Amino acid sequence: MPMAVSTITQSGQVSLPKAIRDILGVRPNDQVAFLSDGERVEVVAVPKNPLKLGTREEFLARVARADEEYAAGLAKPADEVSRSLRERYGL
């Protein structure tokens, strides 16, 4: 697993090392999100083209389809995926 170190500035800012930027595929002006389970923090790239909600009916249809996929066991809760990745990579 790649590792990189960065120093926190007086104002609490951190520069993402190039190796991490390359892994995330981010460049200047792109955004990253910080996710935490209370013990660890994950940095993820924010999609450049976020999902467009479309009409109310289209949005509700996507929600219903996601609910059906979850009920059928085709999707997992985010905390389960995060836990699985931490176990897999020894985090």
PDB file of N, CA and C in Angstrom:
ATOM      1  N   MET A   1       0.851  -1.169   0.000  1.00  0.00           N
ATOM      2  CA  MET A   1       0.000   0.000   0.000  1.00  0.00           C
ATOM      3  C   MET A   1       0.893   1.228   0.000  1.00  0.00           C
ATOM      4  N   PRO A   2       0.653   2.177  -0.924  1.00  0.00           N
ATOM      5  CA  PRO A   2       1.455   3.390  -0.958  1.00  0.00           C
ATOM      6  C   PRO A   2       1.269   4.202   0.321  1.00  0.00           C
ATOM      7  N   MET A   3       2.345   4.832   0.742  1.00  0.00           N
ATOM      8  CA  MET A   3       2.286   5.693   1.917  1.00  0.00           C
ATOM      9  C   MET A   3       2.986   6.996   1.586  1.00  0.00           C
ATOM     10  N   ALA A   4       2.446   8.088   2.080  1.00  0.00           N
ATOM     11  CA  ALA A   4       3.060   9.395   1.899  1.00  0.00           C
ATOM     12  C   ALA A   4       2.792  10.211   3.159  1.00  0.00           C
ATOM     13  N   VAL A   5       3.678  11.150   3.441  1.00  0.00           N
ATOM     14  CA  VAL A   5       3.561  11.974   4.637  1.00  0.00           C
ATOM     15  C   VAL A   5       3.484  13.435   4.223  1.00  0.00           C
ATOM     16  N   SER A   6       2.669  14.193   4.939  1.00  0.00           N
ATOM     17  CA  SER A   6       2.534  15.620   4.706  1.00  0.00           C
ATOM     18  C   SER A   6       2.457  16.324   6.052  1.00  0.00           C
ATOM     19  N   THR A   7       2.891  17.573   6.100  1.00  0.00           N
ATOM     20  CA  THR A   7       2.892  18.341   7.342  1.00  0.00           C
ATOM     21  C   THR A   7       1.684  19.272   7.398  1.00  0.00           C
ATOM     22  N   ILE A   8       1.044  19.357   8.549  1.00  0.00           N
ATOM     23  CA  ILE A   8      -0.088  20.263   8.742  1.00  0.00           C
ATOM     24  C   ILE A   8       0.460  21.658   9.011  1.00  0.00           C
ATOM     25  N   THR A   9      -0.053  22.658   8.282  1.00  0.00           N
ATOM     26  CA  THR A   9       0.391  24.038   8.473  1.00  0.00           C
ATOM     27  C   THR A   9      -0.270  24.649   9.698  1.00  0.00           C
ATOM     28  N   GLN A  10       0.163  25.833  10.071  1.00  0.00           N
ATOM     29  CA  GLN A  10      -0.417  26.565  11.206  1.00  0.00           C
ATOM     30  C   GLN A  10      -1.920  26.757  11.039  1.00  0.00           C
ATOM     31  N   SER A  11      -2.363  26.921   9.790  1.00  0.00           N
ATOM     32  CA  SER A  11      -3.798  27.144   9.545  1.00  0.00           C
ATOM     33  C   SER A  11      -4.560  25.841   9.339  1.00  0.00           C
ATOM     34  N   GLY A  12      -3.894  24.689   9.575  1.00  0.00           N
ATOM     35  CA  GLY A  12      -4.575  23.402   9.480  1.00  0.00           C
ATOM     36  C   GLY A  12      -4.637  22.834   8.083  1.00  0.00           C
ATOM     37  N   GLN A  13      -3.897  23.414   7.146  1.00  0.00           N
ATOM     38  CA  GLN A  13      -3.920  22.913   5.773  1.00  0.00           C
ATOM     39  C   GLN A  13      -2.888  21.810   5.577  1.00  0.00           C
ATOM     40  N   VAL A  14      -3.196  20.919   4.628  1.00  0.00           N
ATOM     41  CA  VAL A  14      -2.306  19.825   4.286  1.00  0.00           C
ATOM     42  C   VAL A  14      -2.222  19.753   2.764  1.00  0.00           C
ATOM     43  N   SER A  15      -1.026  19.592   2.245  1.00  0.00           N
ATOM     44  CA  SER A  15      -0.853  19.367   0.809  1.00  0.00           C
ATOM     45  C   SER A  15      -0.894  17.864   0.560  1.00  0.00           C
ATOM     46  N   LEU A  16      -1.639  17.470  -0.464  1.00  0.00           N
ATOM     47  CA  LEU A  16      -1.663  16.049  -0.817  1.00  0.00           C
ATOM     48  C   LEU A  16      -0.392  15.732  -1.599  1.00  0.00           C
ATOM     49  N   PRO A  17       0.386  14.772  -1.131  1.00  0.00           N
ATOM     50  CA  PRO A  17       1.598  14.400  -1.863  1.00  0.00           C
ATOM     51  C   PRO A  17       1.262  13.930  -3.282  1.00  0.00           C
ATOM     52  N   LYS A  18       2.214  14.112  -4.207  1.00  0.00           N
ATOM     53  CA  LYS A  18       1.987  13.771  -5.611  1.00  0.00           C
ATOM     54  C   LYS A  18       1.554  12.322  -5.783  1.00  0.00           C
ATOM     55  N   ALA A  19       2.166  11.402  -5.049  1.00  0.00           N
ATOM     56  CA  ALA A  19       1.793   9.995  -5.181  1.00  0.00           C
ATOM     57  C   ALA A  19       0.313   9.785  -4.874  1.00  0.00           C
ATOM     58  N   ILE A  20      -0.205  10.478  -3.863  1.00  0.00           N
ATOM     59  CA  ILE A  20      -1.620  10.350  -3.489  1.00  0.00           C
ATOM     60  C   ILE A  20      -2.500  11.038  -4.521  1.00  0.00           C
ATOM     61  N   ARG A  21      -2.081  12.213  -5.011  1.00  0.00           N
ATOM     62  CA  ARG A  21      -2.849  12.897  -6.064  1.00  0.00           C
ATOM     63  C   ARG A  21      -2.955  12.007  -7.296  1.00  0.00           C
ATOM     64  N   ASP A  22      -1.849  11.338  -7.631  1.00  0.00           N
ATOM     65  CA  ASP A  22      -1.861  10.447  -8.795  1.00  0.00           C
ATOM     66  C   ASP A  22      -2.813   9.275  -8.585  1.00  0.00           C
ATOM     67  N   ILE A  23      -2.805   8.693  -7.393  1.00  0.00           N
ATOM     68  CA  ILE A  23      -3.699   7.570  -7.089  1.00  0.00           C
ATOM     69  C   ILE A  23      -5.156   8.010  -7.212  1.00  0.00           C
ATOM     70  N   LEU A  24      -5.459   9.198  -6.681  1.00  0.00           N
ATOM     71  CA  LEU A  24      -6.838   9.707  -6.709  1.00  0.00           C
ATOM     72  C   LEU A  24      -7.218  10.268  -8.081  1.00  0.00           C
ATOM     73  N   GLY A  25      -6.218  10.580  -8.891  1.00  0.00           N
ATOM     74  CA  GLY A  25      -6.491  11.167 -10.201  1.00  0.00           C
ATOM     75  C   GLY A  25      -6.981  12.595 -10.110  1.00  0.00           C
ATOM     76  N   VAL A  26      -6.483  13.346  -9.114  1.00  0.00           N
ATOM     77  CA  VAL A  26      -6.925  14.731  -8.936  1.00  0.00           C
ATOM     78  C   VAL A  26      -5.837  15.699  -9.371  1.00  0.00           C
ATOM     79  N   ARG A  27      -6.290  16.871  -9.794  1.00  0.00           N
ATOM     80  CA  ARG A  27      -5.404  17.949 -10.234  1.00  0.00           C
ATOM     81  C   ARG A  27      -5.849  19.235  -9.569  1.00  0.00           C
ATOM     82  N   PRO A  28      -5.097  20.329  -9.759  1.00  0.00           N
ATOM     83  CA  PRO A  28      -5.515  21.600  -9.165  1.00  0.00           C
ATOM     84  C   PRO A  28      -6.969  21.933  -9.508  1.00  0.00           C
ATOM     85  N   ASN A  29      -7.674  22.430  -8.527  1.00  0.00           N
ATOM     86  CA  ASN A  29      -9.095  22.827  -8.606  1.00  0.00           C
ATOM     87  C   ASN A  29     -10.067  21.660  -8.544  1.00  0.00           C
ATOM     88  N   ASP A  30      -9.587  20.406  -8.546  1.00  0.00           N
ATOM     89  CA  ASP A  30     -10.473  19.267  -8.296  1.00  0.00           C
ATOM     90  C   ASP A  30     -10.780  19.249  -6.807  1.00  0.00           C
ATOM     91  N   GLN A  31     -11.760  18.482  -6.413  1.00  0.00           N
ATOM     92  CA  GLN A  31     -12.137  18.397  -5.008  1.00  0.00           C
ATOM     93  C   GLN A  31     -11.923  16.996  -4.472  1.00  0.00           C
ATOM     94  N   VAL A  32     -11.626  16.923  -3.166  1.00  0.00           N
ATOM     95  CA  VAL A  32     -11.554  15.651  -2.460  1.00  0.00           C
ATOM     96  C   VAL A  32     -12.501  15.738  -1.273  1.00  0.00           C
ATOM     97  N   ALA A  33     -12.993  14.592  -0.850  1.00  0.00           N
ATOM     98  CA  ALA A  33     -13.867  14.525   0.318  1.00  0.00           C
ATOM     99  C   ALA A  33     -13.135  13.733   1.397  1.00  0.00           C
ATOM    100  N   PHE A  34     -13.393  14.085   2.648  1.00  0.00           N
ATOM    101  CA  PHE A  34     -12.802  13.398   3.785  1.00  0.00           C
ATOM    102  C   PHE A  34     -13.911  12.639   4.495  1.00  0.00           C
ATOM    103  N   LEU A  35     -13.781  11.312   4.580  1.00  0.00           N
ATOM    104  CA  LEU A  35     -14.776  10.452   5.209  1.00  0.00           C
ATOM    105  C   LEU A  35     -14.156   9.848   6.456  1.00  0.00           C
ATOM    106  N   SER A  36     -14.909   9.797   7.547  1.00  0.00           N
ATOM    107  CA  SER A  36     -14.365   9.248   8.787  1.00  0.00           C
ATOM    108  C   SER A  36     -15.372   8.358   9.479  1.00  0.00           C
ATOM    109  N   ASP A  37     -14.862   7.282  10.073  1.00  0.00           N
ATOM    110  CA  ASP A  37     -15.695   6.409  10.884  1.00  0.00           C
ATOM    111  C   ASP A  37     -15.437   6.670  12.365  1.00  0.00           C
ATOM    112  N   GLY A  38     -14.708   7.726  12.678  1.00  0.00           N
ATOM    113  CA  GLY A  38     -14.380   8.066  14.059  1.00  0.00           C
ATOM    114  C   GLY A  38     -13.012   7.564  14.479  1.00  0.00           C
ATOM    115  N   GLU A  39     -12.438   6.658  13.704  1.00  0.00           N
ATOM    116  CA  GLU A  39     -11.106   6.130  14.001  1.00  0.00           C
ATOM    117  C   GLU A  39     -10.104   6.481  12.911  1.00  0.00           C
ATOM    118  N   ARG A  40     -10.541   6.435  11.680  1.00  0.00           N
ATOM    119  CA  ARG A  40      -9.675   6.707  10.527  1.00  0.00           C
ATOM    120  C   ARG A  40     -10.378   7.674   9.592  1.00  0.00           C
ATOM    121  N   VAL A  41      -9.589   8.302   8.743  1.00  0.00           N
ATOM    122  CA  VAL A  41     -10.121   9.218   7.744  1.00  0.00           C
ATOM    123  C   VAL A  41      -9.713   8.712   6.367  1.00  0.00           C
ATOM    124  N   GLU A  42     -10.650   8.687   5.460  1.00  0.00           N
ATOM    125  CA  GLU A  42     -10.375   8.310   4.076  1.00  0.00           C
ATOM    126  C   GLU A  42     -10.497   9.556   3.212  1.00  0.00           C
ATOM    127  N   VAL A  43      -9.610   9.691   2.244  1.00  0.00           N
ATOM    128  CA  VAL A  43      -9.665  10.788   1.288  1.00  0.00           C
ATOM    129  C   VAL A  43     -10.097  10.191  -0.039  1.00  0.00           C
ATOM    130  N   VAL A  44     -11.169  10.721  -0.606  1.00  0.00           N
ATOM    131  CA  VAL A  44     -11.664  10.225  -1.889  1.00  0.00           C
ATOM    132  C   VAL A  44     -11.853  11.395  -2.845  1.00  0.00           C
ATOM    133  N   ALA A  45     -11.651  11.139  -4.111  1.00  0.00           N
ATOM    134  CA  ALA A  45     -11.861  12.171  -5.120  1.00  0.00           C
ATOM    135  C   ALA A  45     -13.355  12.389  -5.318  1.00  0.00           C
ATOM    136  N   VAL A  46     -13.754  13.640  -5.398  1.00  0.00           N
ATOM    137  CA  VAL A  46     -15.148  13.975  -5.704  1.00  0.00           C
ATOM    138  C   VAL A  46     -15.296  13.872  -7.217  1.00  0.00           C
ATOM    139  N   PRO A  47     -16.289  13.126  -7.695  1.00  0.00           N
ATOM    140  CA  PRO A  47     -16.447  12.968  -9.148  1.00  0.00           C
ATOM    141  C   PRO A  47     -16.545  14.314  -9.859  1.00  0.00           C
ATOM    142  N   LYS A  48     -15.895  14.390 -11.000  1.00  0.00           N
ATOM    143  CA  LYS A  48     -15.919  15.634 -11.771  1.00  0.00           C
ATOM    144  C   LYS A  48     -17.290  15.888 -12.380  1.00  0.00           C
ATOM    145  N   ASN A  49     -18.005  14.817 -12.691  1.00  0.00           N
ATOM    146  CA  ASN A  49     -19.345  14.939 -13.259  1.00  0.00           C
ATOM    147  C   ASN A  49     -20.344  14.259 -12.330  1.00  0.00           C
ATOM    148  N   PRO A  50     -20.725  14.943 -11.240  1.00  0.00           N
ATOM    149  CA  PRO A  50     -21.633  14.291 -10.301  1.00  0.00           C
ATOM    150  C   PRO A  50     -22.976  13.946 -10.947  1.00  0.00           C
ATOM    151  N   LEU A  51     -23.638  12.964 -10.353  1.00  0.00           N
ATOM    152  CA  LEU A  51     -24.931  12.517 -10.843  1.00  0.00           C
ATOM    153  C   LEU A  51     -25.900  13.686 -10.923  1.00  0.00           C
ATOM    154  N   LYS A  52     -26.522  13.816 -12.052  1.00  0.00           N
ATOM    155  CA  LYS A  52     -27.553  14.840 -12.205  1.00  0.00           C
ATOM    156  C   LYS A  52     -28.881  14.202 -11.812  1.00  0.00           C
ATOM    157  N   LEU A  53     -29.634  14.885 -11.019  1.00  0.00           N
ATOM    158  CA  LEU A  53     -30.870  14.322 -10.491  1.00  0.00           C
ATOM    159  C   LEU A  53     -31.954  14.179 -11.547  1.00  0.00           C
ATOM    160  N   GLY A  54     -31.938  14.999 -12.563  1.00  0.00           N
ATOM    161  CA  GLY A  54     -32.974  14.923 -13.585  1.00  0.00           C
ATOM    162  C   GLY A  54     -34.314  15.350 -13.002  1.00  0.00           C
ATOM    163  N   THR A  55     -35.364  14.792 -13.541  1.00  0.00           N
ATOM    164  CA  THR A  55     -36.696  15.141 -13.062  1.00  0.00           C
ATOM    165  C   THR A  55     -36.947  14.436 -11.728  1.00  0.00           C
ATOM    166  N   ARG A  56     -37.975  14.872 -11.044  1.00  0.00           N
ATOM    167  CA  ARG A  56     -38.347  14.258  -9.769  1.00  0.00           C
ATOM    168  C   ARG A  56     -38.649  12.769  -9.969  1.00  0.00           C
ATOM    169  N   GLU A  57     -39.344  12.445 -11.060  1.00  0.00           N
ATOM    170  CA  GLU A  57     -39.710  11.060 -11.347  1.00  0.00           C
ATOM    171  C   GLU A  57     -38.469  10.205 -11.609  1.00  0.00           C
ATOM    172  N   GLU A  58     -37.506  10.755 -12.359  1.00  0.00           N
ATOM    173  CA  GLU A  58     -36.267  10.019 -12.631  1.00  0.00           C
ATOM    174  C   GLU A  58     -35.491   9.761 -11.338  1.00  0.00           C
ATOM    175  N   PHE A  59     -35.426  10.780 -10.486  1.00  0.00           N
ATOM    176  CA  PHE A  59     -34.733  10.632  -9.211  1.00  0.00           C
ATOM    177  C   PHE A  59     -35.408   9.562  -8.349  1.00  0.00           C
ATOM    178  N   LEU A  60     -36.741   9.626  -8.241  1.00  0.00           N
ATOM    179  CA  LEU A  60     -37.459   8.640  -7.428  1.00  0.00           C
ATOM    180  C   LEU A  60     -37.315   7.234  -8.002  1.00  0.00           C
ATOM    181  N   ALA A  61     -37.257   7.119  -9.328  1.00  0.00           N
ATOM    182  CA  ALA A  61     -37.062   5.804  -9.955  1.00  0.00           C
ATOM    183  C   ALA A  61     -35.679   5.249  -9.599  1.00  0.00           C
ATOM    184  N   ARG A  62     -34.639   6.115  -9.589  1.00  0.00           N
ATOM    185  CA  ARG A  62     -33.294   5.656  -9.215  1.00  0.00           C
ATOM    186  C   ARG A  62     -33.251   5.236  -7.754  1.00  0.00           C
ATOM    187  N   VAL A  63     -33.941   5.975  -6.889  1.00  0.00           N
ATOM    188  CA  VAL A  63     -33.993   5.615  -5.473  1.00  0.00           C
ATOM    189  C   VAL A  63     -34.668   4.252  -5.305  1.00  0.00           C
ATOM    190  N   ALA A  64     -35.790   4.056  -6.007  1.00  0.00           N
ATOM    191  CA  ALA A  64     -36.504   2.777  -5.922  1.00  0.00           C
ATOM    192  C   ALA A  64     -35.630   1.630  -6.428  1.00  0.00           C
ATOM    193  N   ARG A  65     -34.910   1.853  -7.537  1.00  0.00           N
ATOM    194  CA  ARG A  65     -34.029   0.816  -8.078  1.00  0.00           C
ATOM    195  C   ARG A  65     -32.902   0.505  -7.091  1.00  0.00           C
ATOM    196  N   ALA A  66     -32.344   1.525  -6.445  1.00  0.00           N
ATOM    197  CA  ALA A  66     -31.286   1.307  -5.448  1.00  0.00           C
ATOM    198  C   ALA A  66     -31.827   0.520  -4.258  1.00  0.00           C
ATOM    199  N   ASP A  67     -33.039   0.837  -3.831  1.00  0.00           N
ATOM    200  CA  ASP A  67     -33.662   0.090  -2.722  1.00  0.00           C
ATOM    201  C   ASP A  67     -33.853  -1.376  -3.102  1.00  0.00           C
ATOM    202  N   GLU A  68     -34.287  -1.631  -4.327  1.00  0.00           N
ATOM    203  CA  GLU A  68     -34.482  -3.010  -4.799  1.00  0.00           C
ATOM    204  C   GLU A  68     -33.149  -3.760  -4.843  1.00  0.00           C
ATOM    205  N   GLU A  69     -32.105  -3.105  -5.334  1.00  0.00           N
ATOM    206  CA  GLU A  69     -30.789  -3.747  -5.408  1.00  0.00           C
ATOM    207  C   GLU A  69     -30.265  -4.056  -4.007  1.00  0.00           C
ATOM    208  N   TYR A  70     -30.472  -3.132  -3.067  1.00  0.00           N
ATOM    209  CA  TYR A  70     -30.026  -3.363  -1.693  1.00  0.00           C
ATOM    210  C   TYR A  70     -30.785  -4.545  -1.091  1.00  0.00           C
ATOM    211  N   ALA A  71     -32.112  -4.575  -1.290  1.00  0.00           N
ATOM    212  CA  ALA A  71     -32.936  -5.655  -0.748  1.00  0.00           C
ATOM    213  C   ALA A  71     -32.545  -7.008  -1.347  1.00  0.00           C
ATOM    214  N   ALA A  72     -32.086  -7.004  -2.609  1.00  0.00           N
ATOM    215  CA  ALA A  72     -31.685  -8.237  -3.270  1.00  0.00           C
ATOM    216  C   ALA A  72     -30.245  -8.634  -2.937  1.00  0.00           C
ATOM    217  N   GLY A  73     -29.590  -7.842  -2.108  1.00  0.00           N
ATOM    218  CA  GLY A  73     -28.212  -8.157  -1.719  1.00  0.00           C
ATOM    219  C   GLY A  73     -27.176  -7.770  -2.753  1.00  0.00           C
ATOM    220  N   LEU A  74     -27.547  -6.914  -3.692  1.00  0.00           N
ATOM    221  CA  LEU A  74     -26.621  -6.496  -4.742  1.00  0.00           C
ATOM    222  C   LEU A  74     -25.783  -5.286  -4.346  1.00  0.00           C
ATOM    223  N   ALA A  75     -26.105  -4.672  -3.230  1.00  0.00           N
ATOM    224  CA  ALA A  75     -25.354  -3.510  -2.745  1.00  0.00           C
ATOM    225  C   ALA A  75     -25.110  -3.679  -1.258  1.00  0.00           C
ATOM    226  N   LYS A  76     -24.032  -3.064  -0.781  1.00  0.00           N
ATOM    227  CA  LYS A  76     -23.686  -3.163   0.636  1.00  0.00           C
ATOM    228  C   LYS A  76     -23.661  -1.769   1.250  1.00  0.00           C
ATOM    229  N   PRO A  77     -23.937  -1.680   2.547  1.00  0.00           N
ATOM    230  CA  PRO A  77     -23.840  -0.384   3.214  1.00  0.00           C
ATOM    231  C   PRO A  77     -22.396   0.138   3.170  1.00  0.00           C
ATOM    232  N   ALA A  78     -22.232   1.449   3.122  1.00  0.00           N
ATOM    233  CA  ALA A  78     -20.909   2.065   3.026  1.00  0.00           C
ATOM    234  C   ALA A  78     -20.001   1.648   4.170  1.00  0.00           C
ATOM    235  N   ASP A  79     -20.540   1.532   5.395  1.00  0.00           N
ATOM    236  CA  ASP A  79     -19.681   1.163   6.527  1.00  0.00           C
ATOM    237  C   ASP A  79     -19.160  -0.263   6.376  1.00  0.00           C
ATOM    238  N   GLU A  80     -19.940  -1.138   5.745  1.00  0.00           N
ATOM    239  CA  GLU A  80     -19.494  -2.514   5.517  1.00  0.00           C
ATOM    240  C   GLU A  80     -18.375  -2.555   4.478  1.00  0.00           C
ATOM    241  N   VAL A  81     -18.516  -1.764   3.425  1.00  0.00           N
ATOM    242  CA  VAL A  81     -17.477  -1.693   2.399  1.00  0.00           C
ATOM    243  C   VAL A  81     -16.199  -1.121   2.995  1.00  0.00           C
ATOM    244  N   SER A  82     -16.330  -0.056   3.780  1.00  0.00           N
ATOM    245  CA  SER A  82     -15.170   0.563   4.417  1.00  0.00           C
ATOM    246  C   SER A  82     -14.467  -0.426   5.347  1.00  0.00           C
ATOM    247  N   ARG A  83     -15.235  -1.128   6.165  1.00  0.00           N
ATOM    248  CA  ARG A  83     -14.667  -2.116   7.092  1.00  0.00           C
ATOM    249  C   ARG A  83     -13.939  -3.211   6.318  1.00  0.00           C
ATOM    250  N   SER A  84     -14.531  -3.679   5.247  1.00  0.00           N
ATOM    251  CA  SER A  84     -13.936  -4.720   4.431  1.00  0.00           C
ATOM    252  C   SER A  84     -12.606  -4.262   3.833  1.00  0.00           C
ATOM    253  N   LEU A  85     -12.568  -3.033   3.337  1.00  0.00           N
ATOM    254  CA  LEU A  85     -11.326  -2.507   2.766  1.00  0.00           C
ATOM    255  C   LEU A  85     -10.250  -2.355   3.830  1.00  0.00           C
ATOM    256  N   ARG A  86     -10.634  -1.888   5.026  1.00  0.00           N
ATOM    257  CA  ARG A  86      -9.653  -1.745   6.115  1.00  0.00           C
ATOM    258  C   ARG A  86      -9.073  -3.107   6.479  1.00  0.00           C
ATOM    259  N   GLU A  87      -9.916  -4.130   6.556  1.00  0.00           N
ATOM    260  CA  GLU A  87      -9.439  -5.475   6.892  1.00  0.00           C
ATOM    261  C   GLU A  87      -8.530  -6.002   5.775  1.00  0.00           C
ATOM    262  N   ARG A  88      -8.944  -5.786   4.548  1.00  0.00           N
ATOM    263  CA  ARG A  88      -8.188  -6.301   3.403  1.00  0.00           C
ATOM    264  C   ARG A  88      -6.784  -5.712   3.334  1.00  0.00           C
ATOM    265  N   TYR A  89      -6.674  -4.394   3.638  1.00  0.00           N
ATOM    266  CA  TYR A  89      -5.387  -3.718   3.519  1.00  0.00           C
ATOM    267  C   TYR A  89      -4.708  -3.468   4.849  1.00  0.00           C
ATOM    268  N   GLY A  90      -5.240  -4.056   5.915  1.00  0.00           N
ATOM    269  CA  GLY A  90      -4.608  -3.939   7.218  1.00  0.00           C
ATOM    270  C   GLY A  90      -4.578  -2.525   7.767  1.00  0.00           C
ATOM    271  N   LEU A  91      -5.635  -1.786   7.530  1.00  0.00           N
ATOM    272  CA  LEU A  91      -5.684  -0.387   8.013  1.00  0.00           C
ATOM    273  C   LEU A  91      -6.309  -0.282   9.371  1.00  0.00           C
TER     274      LEU A  91
END
